[in-house]
């Protein structure tokens, strides 16, 4: 590089090598390739403004890696909903890393006979998997169906897909809200509720209903266990900035497989998963969730987490 100060003006002449490096820097920034390692330390290209501009350009074009943690095969509806948001899809790379899987619970074999054992006032279903379990035993009462109540749209839709009518859905997709809003149907005896649940489910629903005078029969019809990751999946988890959780079990599965990594941002389907994250070590500002659980709100939470990661140059 040479400088000419003739006639009161300053001109800069760049050598062919410097021009080549400039072209490489600009092209590399636009293709998300870090260039700092290729620039000599004493070059004018290593100045703070040049390096800062290069870092900003790279950050703007680097996708945020997010992971979906539901059990294998259960992410299709979420992915389809995310694909409706073209802006979000341009900003992210999506990995599917199941943190949980389902197994038969200790009380599953009793479900059909218990459905027939009395005329239950309600059957309470609190998750899509519980809906699948109920559907597998529903033939026992299909000709004389029982009233079924569902927590959340996803659970309601899963029941309807199995041709099971839904009598009631609470205003908010939580067990606590269902227990608060479900109406008693008897004046002289207790309203009876059959609750086919996950063995891991908290006792919120049954305890709150019994506190209101309901009679609740809980069956642990399925269990949620931690999925075991391959070494490749564990390595891939190091790239993740946003983890998407739909249950406390998924949160625990993530922690078990990552060795307790609470550094990622958590995009949760609702308050229950978000509370689990906070209880298990996430900071409050790392957790994003909608007021009302559901796919649409979940996608909004994912987008907010992604925007936070970009604006704050968030990294593990």
Protein backbone atom coordinates (compact mmCIF):
# COMPACT_ATOMS: atom_id res chain seq x y z
CA UNK A 1 0.00 0.00 0.00
CA UNK A 2 1.38 3.45 -0.92
CA UNK A 3 0.15 6.95 -0.12
CA UNK A 4 0.41 10.08 -2.34
CA UNK A 5 0.04 13.48 -0.62
CA UNK A 6 0.55 15.59 -3.75
CA UNK A 7 -1.52 18.74 -4.31
CA UNK A 8 -2.98 18.67 -0.81
CA UNK A 9 -4.93 15.49 -1.36
CA UNK A 10 -4.31 12.01 -0.04
CA UNK A 11 -4.65 9.00 -2.26
CA UNK A 12 -4.27 5.38 -1.21
CA UNK A 13 -2.97 2.84 -3.64
CA UNK A 14 -3.59 -0.78 -2.69
CA UNK A 15 -1.28 -3.51 -3.81
CA UNK A 16 -2.81 -6.50 -5.64
CA UNK A 17 -2.23 -8.71 -2.57
CA UNK A 18 -4.15 -6.33 -0.28
CA UNK A 19 -7.00 -6.07 -2.78
CA UNK A 20 -7.16 -9.87 -2.87
CA UNK A 21 -7.34 -10.02 0.92
CA UNK A 22 -10.11 -7.38 0.97
CA UNK A 23 -12.16 -9.37 -1.52
CA UNK A 24 -11.60 -12.51 0.56
CA UNK A 25 -12.72 -10.74 3.77
CA UNK A 26 -15.90 -9.35 2.21
CA UNK A 27 -16.80 -12.62 0.54
CA UNK A 28 -16.05 -14.62 3.64
CA UNK A 29 -18.23 -12.39 5.82
CA UNK A 30 -21.15 -12.87 3.50
CA UNK A 31 -20.74 -16.64 3.51
CA UNK A 32 -20.41 -16.90 7.28
CA UNK A 33 -16.72 -17.85 7.30
CA UNK A 34 -14.67 -16.39 10.12
CA UNK A 35 -11.72 -14.49 8.67
CA UNK A 36 -9.79 -13.34 11.71
CA UNK A 37 -7.41 -16.30 11.53
CA UNK A 38 -6.43 -15.41 7.95
CA UNK A 39 -5.57 -11.75 8.56
CA UNK A 40 -2.02 -10.90 9.67
CA UNK A 41 -2.03 -9.30 13.09
CA UNK A 42 -0.08 -6.22 11.93
CA UNK A 43 -2.21 -5.66 8.81
CA UNK A 44 -4.51 -2.64 8.61
CA UNK A 45 -7.25 -5.24 8.12
CA UNK A 46 -6.74 -6.29 11.73
CA UNK A 47 -7.86 -2.90 13.05
CA UNK A 48 -10.73 -2.94 15.53
CA UNK A 49 -13.31 -1.34 13.15
CA UNK A 50 -12.53 -3.86 10.40
CA UNK A 51 -12.67 -6.84 12.77
CA UNK A 52 -15.86 -5.56 14.41
CA UNK A 53 -17.58 -5.11 11.06
CA UNK A 54 -16.51 -8.60 10.02
CA UNK A 55 -17.83 -10.13 13.26
CA UNK A 56 -21.19 -8.33 12.88
CA UNK A 57 -21.55 -9.51 9.27
CA UNK A 58 -20.79 -13.09 10.28
CA UNK A 59 -23.24 -12.98 13.21
CA UNK A 60 -26.02 -11.62 11.02
CA UNK A 61 -25.69 -14.56 8.63
CA UNK A 62 -25.04 -17.38 11.09
CA UNK A 63 -28.19 -19.44 11.78
CA UNK A 64 -29.24 -19.99 15.38
CA UNK A 65 -29.19 -23.73 16.09
CA UNK A 66 -32.30 -24.91 17.92
CA UNK A 67 -33.25 -28.41 18.98
CA UNK A 68 -36.62 -30.12 19.30
CA UNK A 69 -36.66 -32.44 22.29
CA UNK A 70 -39.97 -34.29 22.02
CA UNK A 71 -39.94 -38.05 21.57
CA UNK A 72 -39.08 -39.43 18.14
CA UNK A 73 -41.82 -38.81 15.57
CA UNK A 74 -43.74 -36.25 17.64
CA UNK A 75 -42.34 -33.02 16.14
CA UNK A 76 -44.18 -32.97 12.81
CA UNK A 77 -46.93 -30.54 13.85
CA UNK A 78 -44.46 -28.17 15.49
CA UNK A 79 -42.19 -28.19 12.43
CA UNK A 80 -45.16 -27.54 10.14
CA UNK A 81 -46.22 -24.60 12.32
CA UNK A 82 -42.68 -23.23 12.34
CA UNK A 83 -42.49 -23.46 8.54
CA UNK A 84 -45.42 -21.05 8.34
CA UNK A 85 -43.07 -18.41 9.78
CA UNK A 86 -40.64 -17.80 6.90
CA UNK A 87 -38.67 -15.18 8.84
CA UNK A 88 -38.01 -17.62 11.66
CA UNK A 89 -36.98 -20.43 9.31
CA UNK A 90 -34.43 -18.15 7.63
CA UNK A 91 -32.77 -17.53 10.99
CA UNK A 92 -32.48 -21.07 12.37
CA UNK A 93 -31.07 -24.53 11.83
CA UNK A 94 -33.26 -27.23 13.39
CA UNK A 95 -31.98 -30.40 15.04
CA UNK A 96 -34.27 -33.13 16.35
CA UNK A 97 -32.79 -34.55 19.53
CA UNK A 98 -35.42 -36.60 21.41
CA UNK A 99 -34.88 -36.31 25.15
CA UNK A 100 -37.69 -38.67 26.16
CA UNK A 101 -39.48 -41.83 25.08
CA UNK A 102 -42.60 -43.52 26.36
CA UNK A 103 -43.01 -46.93 27.96
CA UNK A 104 -45.97 -48.91 29.27
CA UNK A 105 -46.90 -47.94 32.83
CA UNK A 106 -47.58 -50.35 35.71
CA UNK A 107 -51.35 -49.79 35.62
CA UNK A 108 -51.92 -49.99 31.87
CA UNK A 109 -53.41 -53.48 31.95
CA UNK A 110 -56.09 -52.26 34.36
CA UNK A 111 -57.34 -49.45 32.13
CA UNK A 112 -60.00 -51.33 30.12
CA UNK A 113 -61.49 -53.04 33.16
CA UNK A 114 -61.44 -49.82 35.18
CA UNK A 115 -63.26 -47.94 32.42
CA UNK A 116 -66.00 -50.57 32.72
CA UNK A 117 -65.94 -50.84 36.51
CA UNK A 118 -68.36 -47.95 37.09
CA UNK A 119 -70.08 -45.08 35.30
CA UNK A 120 -67.37 -42.45 35.70
CA UNK A 121 -68.56 -38.86 35.59
CA UNK A 122 -65.36 -37.81 33.80
CA UNK A 123 -62.21 -39.29 32.33
CA UNK A 124 -59.42 -36.70 32.61
CA UNK A 125 -56.74 -36.69 29.90
CA UNK A 126 -53.85 -34.27 30.32
CA UNK A 127 -51.47 -34.98 27.41
CA UNK A 128 -51.47 -36.25 23.81
CA UNK A 129 -49.72 -39.45 24.93
CA UNK A 130 -52.41 -40.05 27.56
CA UNK A 131 -54.93 -39.58 24.74
CA UNK A 132 -53.16 -42.32 22.75
CA UNK A 133 -53.27 -44.61 25.78
CA UNK A 134 -56.98 -43.99 26.30
CA UNK A 135 -57.66 -44.60 22.61
CA UNK A 136 -55.99 -48.02 22.84
CA UNK A 137 -58.55 -49.08 25.49
CA UNK A 138 -61.58 -47.09 24.31
CA UNK A 139 -63.27 -49.98 22.54
CA UNK A 140 -64.32 -51.21 25.99
CA UNK A 141 -66.75 -48.27 26.28
CA UNK A 142 -67.10 -47.06 22.69
CA UNK A 143 -70.76 -48.13 22.50
CA UNK A 144 -71.55 -46.35 25.76
CA UNK A 145 -68.87 -43.63 25.93
CA UNK A 146 -67.88 -41.73 29.06
CA UNK A 147 -67.50 -37.95 29.23
CA UNK A 148 -63.86 -37.04 28.56
CA UNK A 149 -62.16 -33.79 29.56
CA UNK A 150 -58.87 -32.70 27.96
CA UNK A 151 -56.06 -30.36 28.91
CA UNK A 152 -55.07 -28.33 25.85
CA UNK A 153 -55.89 -28.23 22.15
CA UNK A 154 -53.24 -30.77 21.20
CA UNK A 155 -54.71 -33.31 23.61
CA UNK A 156 -58.25 -32.52 22.44
CA UNK A 157 -57.24 -32.96 18.79
CA UNK A 158 -55.51 -36.28 19.51
CA UNK A 159 -58.70 -37.56 21.16
CA UNK A 160 -60.86 -36.38 18.27
CA UNK A 161 -58.51 -38.10 15.83
CA UNK A 162 -59.38 -41.32 17.69
CA UNK A 163 -63.12 -40.52 17.47
CA UNK A 164 -63.38 -39.77 21.18
CA UNK A 165 -65.64 -36.81 21.95
CA UNK A 166 -64.38 -34.15 24.34
CA UNK A 167 -66.84 -32.69 26.82
CA UNK A 168 -64.69 -29.95 28.33
CA UNK A 169 -61.39 -28.12 27.81
CA UNK A 170 -60.24 -25.63 30.49
CA UNK A 171 -59.45 -22.02 29.64
CA UNK A 172 -55.74 -22.65 30.20
CA UNK A 173 -53.94 -25.87 29.35
CA UNK A 174 -52.76 -26.81 32.83
CA UNK A 175 -53.86 -29.43 35.32
CA UNK A 176 -54.36 -26.74 37.95
CA UNK A 177 -56.81 -24.85 35.72
CA UNK A 178 -58.72 -28.05 34.90
CA UNK A 179 -59.02 -28.86 38.60
CA UNK A 180 -60.32 -25.36 39.26
CA UNK A 181 -62.81 -25.14 36.38
CA UNK A 182 -64.25 -28.68 36.18
CA UNK A 183 -67.79 -28.55 37.50
CA UNK A 184 -69.20 -31.01 40.00
CA UNK A 185 -72.21 -32.85 38.60
CA UNK A 186 -73.74 -34.16 41.84
CA UNK A 187 -75.18 -32.55 44.95
CA UNK A 188 -75.49 -35.60 47.18
CA UNK A 189 -72.42 -37.62 46.18
CA UNK A 190 -68.90 -37.03 44.97
CA UNK A 191 -68.21 -36.44 41.28
CA UNK A 192 -66.03 -39.32 40.09
CA UNK A 193 -62.98 -38.84 37.87
CA UNK A 194 -60.80 -41.52 36.27
CA UNK A 195 -57.32 -40.14 35.60
CA UNK A 196 -55.08 -42.23 33.27
CA UNK A 197 -51.73 -40.52 33.83
CA UNK A 198 -48.02 -40.70 33.30
CA UNK A 199 -46.16 -42.27 36.19
CA UNK A 200 -44.05 -39.08 36.19
CA UNK A 201 -47.01 -36.68 36.37
CA UNK A 202 -47.29 -34.53 39.48
CA UNK A 203 -50.30 -34.97 41.77
CA UNK A 204 -51.66 -31.49 41.09
CA UNK A 205 -54.84 -32.61 39.33
CA UNK A 206 -55.89 -35.31 41.74
CA UNK A 207 -55.00 -33.34 44.87
CA UNK A 208 -56.77 -30.18 43.76
CA UNK A 209 -59.89 -32.07 42.66
CA UNK A 210 -60.06 -34.07 45.89
CA UNK A 211 -59.69 -30.82 47.84
CA UNK A 212 -62.89 -29.71 46.08
CA UNK A 213 -64.70 -32.91 47.05
CA UNK A 214 -64.20 -35.00 43.91
CA UNK A 215 -63.40 -38.73 44.01
CA UNK A 216 -60.35 -39.39 41.82
CA UNK A 217 -58.96 -42.74 40.65
CA UNK A 218 -55.47 -42.41 39.17
CA UNK A 219 -53.91 -45.08 36.97
CA UNK A 220 -50.27 -44.78 35.96
CA UNK A 221 -50.88 -46.08 32.45
CA UNK A 222 -47.61 -45.01 30.85
CA UNK A 223 -44.19 -43.83 31.83
CA UNK A 224 -41.86 -41.23 30.39
CA UNK A 225 -38.20 -42.23 30.40
CA UNK A 226 -35.04 -40.48 29.30
CA UNK A 227 -33.91 -41.24 25.76
CA UNK A 228 -30.29 -42.35 25.41
CA UNK A 229 -28.20 -40.27 23.00
CA UNK A 230 -25.43 -41.41 20.71
CA UNK A 231 -21.99 -39.79 20.91
CA UNK A 232 -22.85 -37.91 17.70
CA UNK A 233 -25.99 -36.44 19.28
CA UNK A 234 -24.03 -35.40 22.36
CA UNK A 235 -21.49 -33.67 20.13
CA UNK A 236 -24.25 -31.93 18.16
CA UNK A 237 -25.79 -30.59 21.38
CA UNK A 238 -22.74 -28.35 21.80
CA UNK A 239 -23.97 -26.27 18.84
CA UNK A 240 -27.43 -25.67 20.29
CA UNK A 241 -28.38 -22.18 21.49
CA UNK A 242 -32.15 -22.74 21.92
CA UNK A 243 -33.73 -25.93 23.29
CA UNK A 244 -37.49 -26.41 22.84
CA UNK A 245 -39.26 -28.18 25.71
CA UNK A 246 -42.81 -29.53 25.92
CA UNK A 247 -42.61 -31.24 29.33
CA UNK A 248 -40.58 -31.33 32.54
CA UNK A 249 -39.47 -34.83 31.53
CA UNK A 250 -37.90 -33.44 28.36
CA UNK A 251 -36.08 -30.82 30.43
CA UNK A 252 -34.68 -33.54 32.70
CA UNK A 253 -33.76 -35.67 29.68
CA UNK A 254 -31.81 -32.76 28.18
CA UNK A 255 -29.90 -32.24 31.42
CA UNK A 256 -29.08 -35.93 31.76
CA UNK A 257 -27.78 -36.24 28.20
CA UNK A 258 -25.81 -32.96 28.21
CA UNK A 259 -24.25 -33.30 31.64
CA UNK A 260 -26.39 -30.55 33.16
CA UNK A 261 -26.20 -27.89 30.43
CA UNK A 262 -28.44 -24.99 31.54
CA UNK A 263 -26.59 -22.50 29.35
CA UNK A 264 -28.97 -22.80 26.40
CA UNK A 265 -32.05 -20.63 26.05
CA UNK A 266 -35.25 -22.55 26.84
CA UNK A 267 -38.29 -22.11 24.58
CA UNK A 268 -41.15 -23.85 26.40
CA UNK A 269 -44.63 -24.83 25.27
CA UNK A 270 -46.10 -23.46 28.49
CA UNK A 271 -45.77 -22.54 32.12
CA UNK A 272 -45.29 -26.09 33.42
CA UNK A 273 -42.14 -26.72 31.38
CA UNK A 274 -40.90 -23.19 32.06
CA UNK A 275 -41.26 -23.70 35.82
CA UNK A 276 -39.30 -26.95 35.54
CA UNK A 277 -36.49 -25.11 33.78
CA UNK A 278 -36.32 -22.48 36.51
CA UNK A 279 -36.40 -25.13 39.24
CA UNK A 280 -33.59 -27.05 37.55
CA UNK A 281 -31.16 -24.19 37.15
CA UNK A 282 -32.05 -21.86 34.28
CA UNK A 283 -32.01 -18.12 34.91
CA UNK A 284 -35.36 -16.40 34.45
CA UNK A 285 -34.14 -14.34 31.48
CA UNK A 286 -33.14 -17.55 29.67
CA UNK A 287 -36.70 -18.93 29.63
CA UNK A 288 -39.37 -18.07 27.04
CA UNK A 289 -42.96 -19.37 27.11
CA UNK A 290 -46.47 -18.26 26.11
CA UNK A 291 -49.19 -17.42 28.62
CA UNK A 292 -51.47 -20.03 27.06
CA UNK A 293 -49.83 -23.35 26.08
CA UNK A 294 -50.14 -24.43 22.47
CA UNK A 295 -48.26 -24.73 19.18
CA UNK A 296 -48.84 -21.15 18.05
CA UNK A 297 -47.62 -19.68 21.32
CA UNK A 298 -44.72 -22.13 21.38
CA UNK A 299 -43.52 -20.95 17.97
CA UNK A 300 -43.71 -17.35 19.23
CA UNK A 301 -41.57 -18.34 22.23
CA UNK A 302 -39.04 -19.98 19.88
CA UNK A 303 -38.90 -16.82 17.79
CA UNK A 304 -38.40 -14.61 20.85
CA UNK A 305 -35.59 -16.86 22.08
CA UNK A 306 -34.00 -16.75 18.63
CA UNK A 307 -34.21 -12.95 18.50
CA UNK A 308 -32.69 -12.73 21.98
CA UNK A 309 -29.83 -14.97 20.91
CA UNK A 310 -29.12 -12.80 17.87
CA UNK A 311 -29.41 -9.40 19.54
CA UNK A 312 -27.31 -10.33 22.54
CA UNK A 313 -24.75 -12.38 20.56
CA UNK A 314 -25.73 -15.15 22.97
CA UNK A 315 -23.27 -18.01 23.25
CA UNK A 316 -22.68 -20.88 25.63
